[in-house]
PDB file of N, CA and C in Angstrom:
ATOM      1  N   UNK A   1     -22.974   3.285   8.648  1.00  0.00           N
ATOM      2  CA  UNK A   1     -22.068   3.855   7.855  1.00  0.00           C
ATOM      3  C   UNK A   1     -22.762   4.170   6.395  1.00  0.00           C
ATOM      4  N   UNK A   2     -23.109   5.388   6.040  1.00  0.00           N
ATOM      5  CA  UNK A   2     -23.946   5.743   5.035  1.00  0.00           C
ATOM      6  C   UNK A   2     -22.855   5.348   3.700  1.00  0.00           C
ATOM      7  N   UNK A   3     -23.809   5.231   2.623  1.00  0.00           N
ATOM      8  CA  UNK A   3     -23.159   4.649   1.468  1.00  0.00           C
ATOM      9  C   UNK A   3     -21.947   5.437   0.812  1.00  0.00           C
ATOM     10  N   UNK A   4     -22.133   6.954   1.073  1.00  0.00           N
ATOM     11  CA  UNK A   4     -20.802   7.609   0.724  1.00  0.00           C
ATOM     12  C   UNK A   4     -19.662   7.566   1.387  1.00  0.00           C
ATOM     13  N   UNK A   5     -19.798   7.450   2.803  1.00  0.00           N
ATOM     14  CA  UNK A   5     -18.771   7.515   3.524  1.00  0.00           C
ATOM     15  C   UNK A   5     -18.180   5.964   3.320  1.00  0.00           C
ATOM     16  N   UNK A   6     -18.814   4.734   3.145  1.00  0.00           N
ATOM     17  CA  UNK A   6     -18.419   3.525   2.878  1.00  0.00           C
ATOM     18  C   UNK A   6     -17.420   3.709   1.540  1.00  0.00           C
ATOM     19  N   UNK A   7     -18.095   4.464   0.555  1.00  0.00           N
ATOM     20  CA  UNK A   7     -17.497   4.367  -0.976  1.00  0.00           C
ATOM     21  C   UNK A   7     -16.172   5.206  -0.670  1.00  0.00           C
ATOM     22  N   UNK A   8     -16.303   6.277   0.532  1.00  0.00           N
ATOM     23  CA  UNK A   8     -15.078   6.815   0.136  1.00  0.00           C
ATOM     24  C   UNK A   8     -13.932   6.070   0.788  1.00  0.00           C
ATOM     25  N   UNK A   9     -13.957   5.206   2.080  1.00  0.00           N
ATOM     26  CA  UNK A   9     -13.327   4.360   2.775  1.00  0.00           C
ATOM     27  C   UNK A   9     -12.841   3.523   1.663  1.00  0.00           C
ATOM     28  N   UNK A  10     -13.658   2.694   0.897  1.00  0.00           N
ATOM     29  CA  UNK A  10     -13.140   1.741   0.044  1.00  0.00           C
ATOM     30  C   UNK A  10     -12.211   2.425  -1.074  1.00  0.00           C
ATOM     31  N   UNK A  11     -12.671   3.575  -1.589  1.00  0.00           N
ATOM     32  CA  UNK A  11     -11.890   4.046  -2.768  1.00  0.00           C
ATOM     33  C   UNK A  11     -10.971   4.559  -1.927  1.00  0.00           C
ATOM     34  N   UNK A  12     -10.288   5.009  -0.922  1.00  0.00           N
ATOM     35  CA  UNK A  12      -9.306   5.298  -0.054  1.00  0.00           C
ATOM     36  C   UNK A  12      -8.380   4.087  -0.179  1.00  0.00           C
ATOM     37  N   UNK A  13      -8.789   2.959   0.395  1.00  0.00           N
ATOM     38  CA  UNK A  13      -7.934   1.651   0.449  1.00  0.00           C
ATOM     39  C   UNK A  13      -7.412   1.660  -1.084  1.00  0.00           C
ATOM     40  N   UNK A  14      -8.119   1.724  -2.212  1.00  0.00           N
ATOM     41  CA  UNK A  14      -7.924   1.263  -3.457  1.00  0.00           C
ATOM     42  C   UNK A  14      -6.832   2.470  -3.787  1.00  0.00           C
ATOM     43  N   UNK A  15      -7.093   3.511  -3.816  1.00  0.00           N
ATOM     44  CA  UNK A  15      -6.181   4.481  -4.195  1.00  0.00           C
ATOM     45  C   UNK A  15      -4.870   4.315  -3.652  1.00  0.00           C
ATOM     46  N   UNK A  16      -4.882   4.519  -2.304  1.00  0.00           N
ATOM     47  CA  UNK A  16      -3.539   4.646  -1.417  1.00  0.00           C
ATOM     48  C   UNK A  16      -2.802   3.195  -1.784  1.00  0.00           C
ATOM     49  N   UNK A  17      -3.509   2.199  -1.927  1.00  0.00           N
ATOM     50  CA  UNK A  17      -2.803   0.708  -2.149  1.00  0.00           C
ATOM     51  C   UNK A  17      -2.007   0.979  -3.269  1.00  0.00           C
ATOM     52  N   UNK A  18      -2.864   1.466  -4.430  1.00  0.00           N
ATOM     53  CA  UNK A  18      -2.245   1.314  -5.930  1.00  0.00           C
ATOM     54  C   UNK A  18      -1.185   2.507  -5.699  1.00  0.00           C
ATOM     55  N   UNK A  19      -0.970   3.753  -4.959  1.00  0.00           N
ATOM     56  CA  UNK A  19       0.266   4.543  -5.063  1.00  0.00           C
ATOM     57  C   UNK A  19       1.419   3.680  -4.305  1.00  0.00           C
ATOM     58  N   UNK A  20       0.822   3.105  -3.262  1.00  0.00           N
ATOM     59  CA  UNK A  20       2.091   2.045  -2.562  1.00  0.00           C
ATOM     60  C   UNK A  20       2.562   1.324  -3.693  1.00  0.00           C
ATOM     61  N   UNK A  21       1.960   0.310  -4.192  1.00  0.00           N
ATOM     62  CA  UNK A  21       2.251  -0.272  -5.338  1.00  0.00           C
ATOM     63  C   UNK A  21       3.360   0.391  -6.426  1.00  0.00           C
ATOM     64  N   UNK A  22       2.883   1.586  -6.718  1.00  0.00           N
ATOM     65  CA  UNK A  22       3.434   2.141  -7.864  1.00  0.00           C
ATOM     66  C   UNK A  22       4.842   2.994  -7.197  1.00  0.00           C
ATOM     67  N   UNK A  23       4.738   3.346  -6.217  1.00  0.00           N
ATOM     68  CA  UNK A  23       6.062   3.988  -5.300  1.00  0.00           C
ATOM     69  C   UNK A  23       6.874   3.021  -5.464  1.00  0.00           C
ATOM     70  N   UNK A  24       6.652   1.736  -5.042  1.00  0.00           N
ATOM     71  CA  UNK A  24       7.401   0.259  -4.862  1.00  0.00           C
ATOM     72  C   UNK A  24       8.104   0.106  -6.372  1.00  0.00           C
ATOM     73  N   UNK A  25       7.163   0.142  -7.435  1.00  0.00           N
ATOM     74  CA  UNK A  25       7.877  -0.274  -8.629  1.00  0.00           C
ATOM     75  C   UNK A  25       8.845   0.606  -9.231  1.00  0.00           C
ATOM     76  N   UNK A  26       8.448   1.690  -9.337  1.00  0.00           N
ATOM     77  CA  UNK A  26       9.578   2.973  -9.210  1.00  0.00           C
ATOM     78  C   UNK A  26      10.512   2.925  -8.355  1.00  0.00           C
ATOM     79  N   UNK A  27      10.615   2.225  -7.082  1.00  0.00           N
ATOM     80  CA  UNK A  27      11.715   2.341  -6.269  1.00  0.00           C
ATOM     81  C   UNK A  27      12.648   0.865  -6.862  1.00  0.00           C
ATOM     82  N   UNK A  28      12.339  -0.071  -7.213  1.00  0.00           N
ATOM     83  CA  UNK A  28      12.966  -1.262  -7.909  1.00  0.00           C
ATOM     84  C   UNK A  28      13.486  -0.848  -9.383  1.00  0.00           C
ATOM     85  N   UNK A  29      12.682   0.038  -9.862  1.00  0.00           N
ATOM     86  CA  UNK A  29      13.888   0.652 -11.311  1.00  0.00           C
ATOM     87  C   UNK A  29      14.976   1.536 -10.766  1.00  0.00           C
ATOM     88  N   UNK A  30      14.554   2.418 -10.001  1.00  0.00           N
ATOM     89  CA  UNK A  30      15.694   3.057  -9.446  1.00  0.00           C
ATOM     90  C   UNK A  30      16.899   2.647  -8.987  1.00  0.00           C
ATOM     91  N   UNK A  31      16.414   1.314  -8.056  1.00  0.00           N
ATOM     92  CA  UNK A  31      17.443   0.326  -7.725  1.00  0.00           C
ATOM     93  C   UNK A  31      18.296  -0.494  -8.791  1.00  0.00           C
ATOM     94  N   UNK A  32      17.706  -0.696  -9.558  1.00  0.00           N
ATOM     95  CA  UNK A  32      18.182  -1.500 -10.594  1.00  0.00           C
ATOM     96  C   UNK A  32      19.210  -0.627 -11.672  1.00  0.00           C
ATOM     97  N   UNK A  33      19.150   0.506 -11.623  1.00  0.00           N
ATOM     98  CA  UNK A  33      19.913   1.801 -12.003  1.00  0.00           C
ATOM     99  C   UNK A  33      20.911   1.950 -11.293  1.00  0.00           C
ATOM    100  N   UNK A  34      21.147   1.661 -10.139  1.00  0.00           N
ATOM    101  CA  UNK A  34      22.093   1.986  -9.079  1.00  0.00           C
ATOM    102  C   UNK A  34      21.724   3.205  -7.954  1.00  0.00           C
ATOM    103  N   UNK A  35      20.539   3.664  -8.255  1.00  0.00           N
ATOM    104  CA  UNK A  35      20.138   4.799  -7.775  1.00  0.00           C
ATOM    105  C   UNK A  35      19.430   4.450  -6.398  1.00  0.00           C
ATOM    106  N   UNK A  36      20.307   3.626  -5.442  1.00  0.00           N
ATOM    107  CA  UNK A  36      19.786   3.235  -3.934  1.00  0.00           C
ATOM    108  C   UNK A  36      18.984   4.225  -3.268  1.00  0.00           C
ATOM    109  N   UNK A  37      19.724   5.355  -3.002  1.00  0.00           N
ATOM    110  CA  UNK A  37      19.186   6.128  -2.195  1.00  0.00           C
ATOM    111  C   UNK A  37      17.898   6.975  -2.837  1.00  0.00           C
ATOM    112  N   UNK A  38      17.694   7.022  -3.912  1.00  0.00           N
ATOM    113  CA  UNK A  38      16.469   7.735  -4.401  1.00  0.00           C
ATOM    114  C   UNK A  38      15.539   6.330  -4.353  1.00  0.00           C
ATOM    115  N   UNK A  39      15.891   4.956  -4.661  1.00  0.00           N
ATOM    116  CA  UNK A  39      14.952   3.786  -4.374  1.00  0.00           C
ATOM    117  C   UNK A  39      14.560   3.913  -2.898  1.00  0.00           C
ATOM    118  N   UNK A  40      15.113   4.089  -1.805  1.00  0.00           N
ATOM    119  CA  UNK A  40      15.067   4.217  -0.560  1.00  0.00           C
ATOM    120  C   UNK A  40      14.095   5.208  -0.244  1.00  0.00           C
ATOM    121  N   UNK A  41      14.411   6.483  -0.997  1.00  0.00           N
ATOM    122  CA  UNK A  41      12.964   7.722  -0.691  1.00  0.00           C
ATOM    123  C   UNK A  41      11.681   7.040  -1.405  1.00  0.00           C
ATOM    124  N   UNK A  42      11.863   6.549  -2.321  1.00  0.00           N
ATOM    125  CA  UNK A  42      10.360   6.033  -3.172  1.00  0.00           C
ATOM    126  C   UNK A  42       9.738   5.076  -1.914  1.00  0.00           C
ATOM    127  N   UNK A  43      10.490   4.255  -1.360  1.00  0.00           N
ATOM    128  CA  UNK A  43       9.854   3.262  -0.186  1.00  0.00           C
ATOM    129  C   UNK A  43       9.558   4.232   0.896  1.00  0.00           C
ATOM    130  N   UNK A  44       9.892   5.225   1.097  1.00  0.00           N
ATOM    131  CA  UNK A  44       9.413   5.827   2.278  1.00  0.00           C
ATOM    132  C   UNK A  44       8.017   6.406   1.938  1.00  0.00           C
ATOM    133  N   UNK A  45       7.999   7.259   0.625  1.00  0.00           N
ATOM    134  CA  UNK A  45       6.838   7.618   0.021  1.00  0.00           C
ATOM    135  C   UNK A  45       5.490   6.284  -0.075  1.00  0.00           C
ATOM    136  N   UNK A  46       5.853   5.097  -0.479  1.00  0.00           N
ATOM    137  CA  UNK A  46       5.421   4.175  -0.422  1.00  0.00           C
ATOM    138  C   UNK A  46       4.965   3.639   1.027  1.00  0.00           C
ATOM    139  N   UNK A  47       5.470   3.967   2.133  1.00  0.00           N
ATOM    140  CA  UNK A  47       5.041   3.830   3.408  1.00  0.00           C
ATOM    141  C   UNK A  47       4.039   4.904   3.766  1.00  0.00           C
ATOM    142  N   UNK A  48       4.547   5.779   3.368  1.00  0.00           N
ATOM    143  CA  UNK A  48       3.308   6.887   3.805  1.00  0.00           C
ATOM    144  C   UNK A  48       2.017   6.537   3.114  1.00  0.00           C
ATOM    145  N   UNK A  49       1.847   6.169   1.968  1.00  0.00           N
ATOM    146  CA  UNK A  49       0.401   5.514   1.203  1.00  0.00           C
ATOM    147  C   UNK A  49       0.175   4.685   2.099  1.00  0.00           C
ATOM    148  N   UNK A  50       0.965   3.759   2.312  1.00  0.00           N
ATOM    149  CA  UNK A  50       0.605   2.458   3.041  1.00  0.00           C
ATOM    150  C   UNK A  50      -0.309   2.530   4.112  1.00  0.00           C
ATOM    151  N   UNK A  51       0.337   3.725   5.176  1.00  0.00           N
ATOM    152  CA  UNK A  51      -0.444   4.411   6.484  1.00  0.00           C
ATOM    153  C   UNK A  51      -1.822   4.899   6.156  1.00  0.00           C
ATOM    154  N   UNK A  52      -1.749   5.846   4.859  1.00  0.00           N
ATOM    155  CA  UNK A  52      -3.218   6.171   4.743  1.00  0.00           C
ATOM    156  C   UNK A  52      -3.965   4.983   4.183  1.00  0.00           C
ATOM    157  N   UNK A  53      -3.946   4.115   3.543  1.00  0.00           N
ATOM    158  CA  UNK A  53      -4.593   2.984   3.258  1.00  0.00           C
ATOM    159  C   UNK A  53      -4.636   2.527   4.606  1.00  0.00           C
ATOM    160  N   UNK A  54      -4.034   2.245   5.521  1.00  0.00           N
ATOM    161  CA  UNK A  54      -4.374   1.798   6.548  1.00  0.00           C
ATOM    162  C   UNK A  54      -5.440   2.564   7.432  1.00  0.00           C
ATOM    163  N   UNK A  55      -5.342   3.677   7.375  1.00  0.00           N
ATOM    164  CA  UNK A  55      -6.287   4.428   7.723  1.00  0.00           C
ATOM    165  C   UNK A  55      -7.776   4.273   7.499  1.00  0.00           C
ATOM    166  N   UNK A  56      -7.774   3.961   6.033  1.00  0.00           N
ATOM    167  CA  UNK A  56      -9.175   3.950   5.652  1.00  0.00           C
ATOM    168  C   UNK A  56      -9.557   2.579   6.314  1.00  0.00           C
ATOM    169  N   UNK A  57      -8.712   1.485   6.255  1.00  0.00           N
ATOM    170  CA  UNK A  57      -9.216   0.329   6.604  1.00  0.00           C
ATOM    171  C   UNK A  57      -9.145   0.049   8.042  1.00  0.00           C
ATOM    172  N   UNK A  58      -8.788   0.834   8.814  1.00  0.00           N
ATOM    173  CA  UNK A  58      -9.054   0.917  10.338  1.00  0.00           C
ATOM    174  C   UNK A  58     -10.575   1.513  10.725  1.00  0.00           C
ATOM    175  N   UNK A  59     -10.607   2.782   9.465  1.00  0.00           N
ATOM    176  CA  UNK A  59     -11.764   3.001   9.857  1.00  0.00           C
ATOM    177  C   UNK A  59     -13.102   2.184   9.781  1.00  0.00           C
ATOM    178  N   UNK A  60     -13.091   1.258   8.986  1.00  0.00           N
ATOM    179  CA  UNK A  60     -13.987   0.268   8.515  1.00  0.00           C
ATOM    180  C   UNK A  60     -13.762  -0.887   9.682  1.00  0.00           C
ATOM    181  N   UNK A  61     -12.940  -1.155  10.187  1.00  0.00           N
ATOM    182  CA  UNK A  61     -12.637  -2.285  11.472  1.00  0.00           C
ATOM    183  C   UNK A  61     -13.263  -1.524  12.530  1.00  0.00           C
ATOM    184  N   UNK A  62     -12.970  -0.520  12.953  1.00  0.00           N
ATOM    185  CA  UNK A  62     -13.640   0.268  13.768  1.00  0.00           C
ATOM    186  C   UNK A  62     -15.140   0.236  14.175  1.00  0.00           C
ATOM    187  N   UNK A  63     -15.733   0.476  12.896  1.00  0.00           N
ATOM    188  CA  UNK A  63     -17.157   0.707  12.633  1.00  0.00           C
ATOM    189  C   UNK A  63     -17.589  -0.899  13.033  1.00  0.00           C
ATOM    190  N   UNK A  64     -16.885  -1.557  12.290  1.00  0.00           N
ATOM    191  CA  UNK A  64     -17.525  -3.075  12.709  1.00  0.00           C
ATOM    192  C   UNK A  64     -17.109  -3.446  14.068  1.00  0.00           C
ATOM    193  N   UNK A  65     -16.378  -3.042  14.716  1.00  0.00           N
ATOM    194  CA  UNK A  65     -16.031  -3.419  16.199  1.00  0.00           C
ATOM    195  C   UNK A  65     -17.071  -2.867  16.868  1.00  0.00           C
ATOM    196  N   UNK A  66     -17.796  -1.656  16.562  1.00  0.00           N
ATOM    197  CA  UNK A  66     -18.553  -0.896  17.353  1.00  0.00           C
ATOM    198  C   UNK A  66     -20.037  -1.455  17.203  1.00  0.00           C
ATOM    199  N   UNK A  67     -20.091  -2.710  16.346  1.00  0.00           N
ATOM    200  CA  UNK A  67     -21.318  -3.254  16.113  1.00  0.00           C
ATOM    201  C   UNK A  67     -22.245  -2.695  15.146  1.00  0.00           C
ATOM    202  N   UNK A  68     -21.628  -1.879  14.212  1.00  0.00           N
ATOM    203  CA  UNK A  68     -21.973  -1.220  12.833  1.00  0.00           C
ATOM    204  C   UNK A  68     -21.860  -2.097  11.587  1.00  0.00           C
ATOM    205  N   UNK A  69     -23.042  -2.279  11.347  1.00  0.00           N
ATOM    206  CA  UNK A  69     -22.565  -3.510  10.201  1.00  0.00           C
ATOM    207  C   UNK A  69     -21.960  -2.922   9.007  1.00  0.00           C
ATOM    208  N   UNK A  70     -20.747  -3.417   8.419  1.00  0.00           N
ATOM    209  CA  UNK A  70     -20.205  -2.931   7.130  1.00  0.00           C
ATOM    210  C   UNK A  70     -20.709  -3.819   6.121  1.00  0.00           C
ATOM    211  N   UNK A  71     -21.228  -3.128   5.190  1.00  0.00           N
ATOM    212  CA  UNK A  71     -21.737  -3.911   3.755  1.00  0.00           C
ATOM    213  C   UNK A  71     -20.673  -4.777   3.006  1.00  0.00           C
ATOM    214  N   UNK A  72     -20.613  -6.056   3.017  1.00  0.00           N
ATOM    215  CA  UNK A  72     -19.166  -6.601   2.332  1.00  0.00           C
ATOM    216  C   UNK A  72     -19.604  -6.596   0.835  1.00  0.00           C
ATOM    217  N   UNK A  73     -18.882  -5.906   0.026  1.00  0.00           N
ATOM    218  CA  UNK A  73     -19.219  -5.980  -1.538  1.00  0.00           C
ATOM    219  C   UNK A  73     -18.220  -6.499  -2.311  1.00  0.00           C
ATOM    220  N   UNK A  74     -18.240  -6.713  -3.413  1.00  0.00           N
ATOM    221  CA  UNK A  74     -17.174  -6.972  -4.144  1.00  0.00           C
ATOM    222  C   UNK A  74     -15.861  -5.903  -4.204  1.00  0.00           C
ATOM    223  N   UNK A  75     -16.615  -4.577  -4.340  1.00  0.00           N
ATOM    224  CA  UNK A  75     -15.696  -3.543  -4.287  1.00  0.00           C
ATOM    225  C   UNK A  75     -14.951  -3.712  -2.883  1.00  0.00           C
ATOM    226  N   UNK A  76     -15.539  -3.827  -1.943  1.00  0.00           N
ATOM    227  CA  UNK A  76     -14.889  -3.933  -0.490  1.00  0.00           C
ATOM    228  C   UNK A  76     -13.570  -4.964  -0.679  1.00  0.00           C
ATOM    229  N   UNK A  77     -14.094  -6.002  -1.588  1.00  0.00           N
ATOM    230  CA  UNK A  77     -13.126  -7.354  -1.290  1.00  0.00           C
ATOM    231  C   UNK A  77     -11.957  -6.951  -2.181  1.00  0.00           C
ATOM    232  N   UNK A  78     -12.185  -6.337  -3.120  1.00  0.00           N
ATOM    233  CA  UNK A  78     -11.209  -5.697  -4.060  1.00  0.00           C
ATOM    234  C   UNK A  78     -10.316  -4.823  -3.862  1.00  0.00           C
ATOM    235  N   UNK A  79     -10.829  -4.063  -3.012  1.00  0.00           N
ATOM    236  CA  UNK A  79     -10.136  -2.942  -2.057  1.00  0.00           C
ATOM    237  C   UNK A  79      -9.072  -3.671  -1.250  1.00  0.00           C
ATOM    238  N   UNK A  80      -9.624  -4.468  -0.058  1.00  0.00           N
ATOM    239  CA  UNK A  80      -8.592  -5.596   0.601  1.00  0.00           C
ATOM    240  C   UNK A  80      -7.379  -6.172  -0.352  1.00  0.00           C
ATOM    241  N   UNK A  81      -8.049  -6.624  -1.235  1.00  0.00           N
ATOM    242  CA  UNK A  81      -7.051  -7.296  -2.014  1.00  0.00           C
ATOM    243  C   UNK A  81      -5.980  -6.411  -2.546  1.00  0.00           C
ATOM    244  N   UNK A  82      -6.434  -5.338  -3.002  1.00  0.00           N
ATOM    245  CA  UNK A  82      -5.347  -4.214  -3.112  1.00  0.00           C
ATOM    246  C   UNK A  82      -4.204  -3.914  -2.262  1.00  0.00           C
ATOM    247  N   UNK A  83      -4.816  -3.811  -0.914  1.00  0.00           N
ATOM    248  CA  UNK A  83      -3.900  -3.433   0.253  1.00  0.00           C
ATOM    249  C   UNK A  83      -3.172  -4.879   0.682  1.00  0.00           C
ATOM    250  N   UNK A  84      -3.688  -5.799   0.503  1.00  0.00           N
ATOM    251  CA  UNK A  84      -2.704  -7.165   1.031  1.00  0.00           C
ATOM    252  C   UNK A  84      -1.584  -7.182  -0.142  1.00  0.00           C
ATOM    253  N   UNK A  85      -1.889  -7.036  -1.512  1.00  0.00           N
ATOM    254  CA  UNK A  85      -0.943  -7.171  -2.424  1.00  0.00           C
ATOM    255  C   UNK A  85       0.149  -5.839  -2.318  1.00  0.00           C
ATOM    256  N   UNK A  86      -0.326  -4.778  -1.899  1.00  0.00           N
ATOM    257  CA  UNK A  86       0.474  -3.539  -1.973  1.00  0.00           C
ATOM    258  C   UNK A  86       1.312  -3.728  -0.453  1.00  0.00           C
ATOM    259  N   UNK A  87       1.158  -4.353   0.356  1.00  0.00           N
ATOM    260  CA  UNK A  87       1.941  -4.828   1.536  1.00  0.00           C
ATOM    261  C   UNK A  87       3.125  -5.774   1.276  1.00  0.00           C
ATOM    262  N   UNK A  88       2.342  -6.842   0.402  1.00  0.00           N
ATOM    263  CA  UNK A  88       3.429  -8.100  -0.200  1.00  0.00           C
ATOM    264  C   UNK A  88       4.620  -7.330  -1.122  1.00  0.00           C
ATOM    265  N   UNK A  89       3.986  -6.304  -1.972  1.00  0.00           N
ATOM    266  CA  UNK A  89       5.114  -5.916  -2.914  1.00  0.00           C
ATOM    267  C   UNK A  89       5.983  -4.607  -2.119  1.00  0.00           C
ATOM    268  N   UNK A  90       5.444  -4.309  -1.166  1.00  0.00           N
ATOM    269  CA  UNK A  90       6.434  -3.390  -0.445  1.00  0.00           C
ATOM    270  C   UNK A  90       7.599  -4.237   0.337  1.00  0.00           C
ATOM    271  N   UNK A  91       7.001  -5.181   0.983  1.00  0.00           N
ATOM    272  CA  UNK A  91       8.281  -5.989   1.220  1.00  0.00           C
ATOM    273  C   UNK A  91       8.816  -6.788   0.352  1.00  0.00           C
ATOM    274  N   UNK A  92       8.468  -7.031  -0.585  1.00  0.00           N
ATOM    275  CA  UNK A  92       9.649  -7.477  -1.589  1.00  0.00           C
ATOM    276  C   UNK A  92      10.218  -6.373  -2.356  1.00  0.00           C
ATOM    277  N   UNK A  93       9.540  -5.573  -2.440  1.00  0.00           N
ATOM    278  CA  UNK A  93      10.629  -4.455  -3.108  1.00  0.00           C
ATOM    279  C   UNK A  93      11.564  -4.119  -2.100  1.00  0.00           C
ATOM    280  N   UNK A  94      11.474  -3.916  -0.703  1.00  0.00           N
ATOM    281  CA  UNK A  94      12.378  -3.556   0.195  1.00  0.00           C
ATOM    282  C   UNK A  94      13.499  -4.729   0.096  1.00  0.00           C
ATOM    283  N   UNK A  95      13.354  -5.845  -0.075  1.00  0.00           N
ATOM    284  CA  UNK A  95      14.154  -7.034  -0.278  1.00  0.00           C
ATOM    285  C   UNK A  95      15.025  -6.870  -1.407  1.00  0.00           C
ATOM    286  N   UNK A  96      14.488  -6.389  -2.552  1.00  0.00           N
ATOM    287  CA  UNK A  96      15.013  -6.273  -3.980  1.00  0.00           C
ATOM    288  C   UNK A  96      16.046  -5.109  -3.951  1.00  0.00           C
ATOM    289  N   UNK A  97      15.503  -4.156  -3.283  1.00  0.00           N
ATOM    290  CA  UNK A  97      16.738  -2.899  -3.213  1.00  0.00           C
ATOM    291  C   UNK A  97      17.880  -3.322  -2.160  1.00  0.00           C
ATOM    292  N   UNK A  98      17.561  -3.918  -1.384  1.00  0.00           N
ATOM    293  CA  UNK A  98      18.746  -4.521  -0.350  1.00  0.00           C
ATOM    294  C   UNK A  98      19.710  -5.357  -1.480  1.00  0.00           C
ATOM    295  N   UNK A  99      19.178  -6.206  -2.145  1.00  0.00           N
ATOM    296  CA  UNK A  99      20.083  -7.158  -2.995  1.00  0.00           C
ATOM    297  C   UNK A  99      20.786  -6.174  -3.867  1.00  0.00           C
ATOM    298  N   UNK A 100      19.924  -5.272  -4.645  1.00  0.00           N
ATOM    299  CA  UNK A 100      20.632  -4.361  -5.658  1.00  0.00           C
ATOM    300  C   UNK A 100      21.889  -3.738  -4.926  1.00  0.00           C
ATOM    301  N   UNK A 101      21.475  -3.435  -3.637  1.00  0.00           N
ATOM    302  CA  UNK A 101      22.476  -2.565  -2.836  1.00  0.00           C
ATOM    303  C   UNK A 101      23.872  -3.199  -2.967  1.00  0.00           C
ATOM    304  N   UNK A 102      23.349  -4.881  -2.167  1.00  0.00           N
ATOM    305  CA  UNK A 102      24.762  -5.965  -2.034  1.00  0.00           C
ATOM    306  C   UNK A 102      25.479  -6.115  -3.467  1.00  0.00           C
ATOM    307  N   UNK A 103      24.884  -6.458  -4.383  1.00  0.00           N
ATOM    308  CA  UNK A 103      25.317  -6.679  -5.810  1.00  0.00           C
ATOM    309  C   UNK A 103      26.169  -5.517  -6.318  1.00  0.00           C
ATOM    310  N   UNK A 104      25.791  -4.303  -6.335  1.00  0.00           N
ATOM    311  CA  UNK A 104      26.322  -3.171  -6.734  1.00  0.00           C
ATOM    312  C   UNK A 104      27.508  -2.573  -5.754  1.00  0.00           C
ATOM    313  N   UNK A 105      27.609  -3.211  -4.581  1.00  0.00           N
ATOM    314  CA  UNK A 105      28.807  -2.711  -3.779  1.00  0.00           C
ATOM    315  C   UNK A 105      29.934  -3.566  -3.898  1.00  0.00           C
ATOM    316  N   UNK A 106      29.590  -4.701  -4.470  1.00  0.00           N
ATOM    317  CA  UNK A 106      30.597  -5.864  -4.566  1.00  0.00           C
ATOM    318  C   UNK A 106      31.441  -5.279  -5.815  1.00  0.00           C
TER     319      UNK A 106
END
């Protein structure tokens, strides 16, 4: 993979992972205010961003599986870290929204 394509994949991972985390944070804030349905909509948007991040990651993994070397750099490691944090943050946001929903329903 040429450097520009690799950089585009890495930046895709970072941008879409960051968008996922931002949408999740907004979802938590909405749930805290009692806006559960709006919070769930934000989680849907977060999931869409997460899918885009996974597409970028899958491209890199497919290249490696074809035997094409992917240069591991600090930027690539940083991008993977963003993705893993976004997944964890999304999972926790979903749990928090469910808790707020239960608390507000009582």
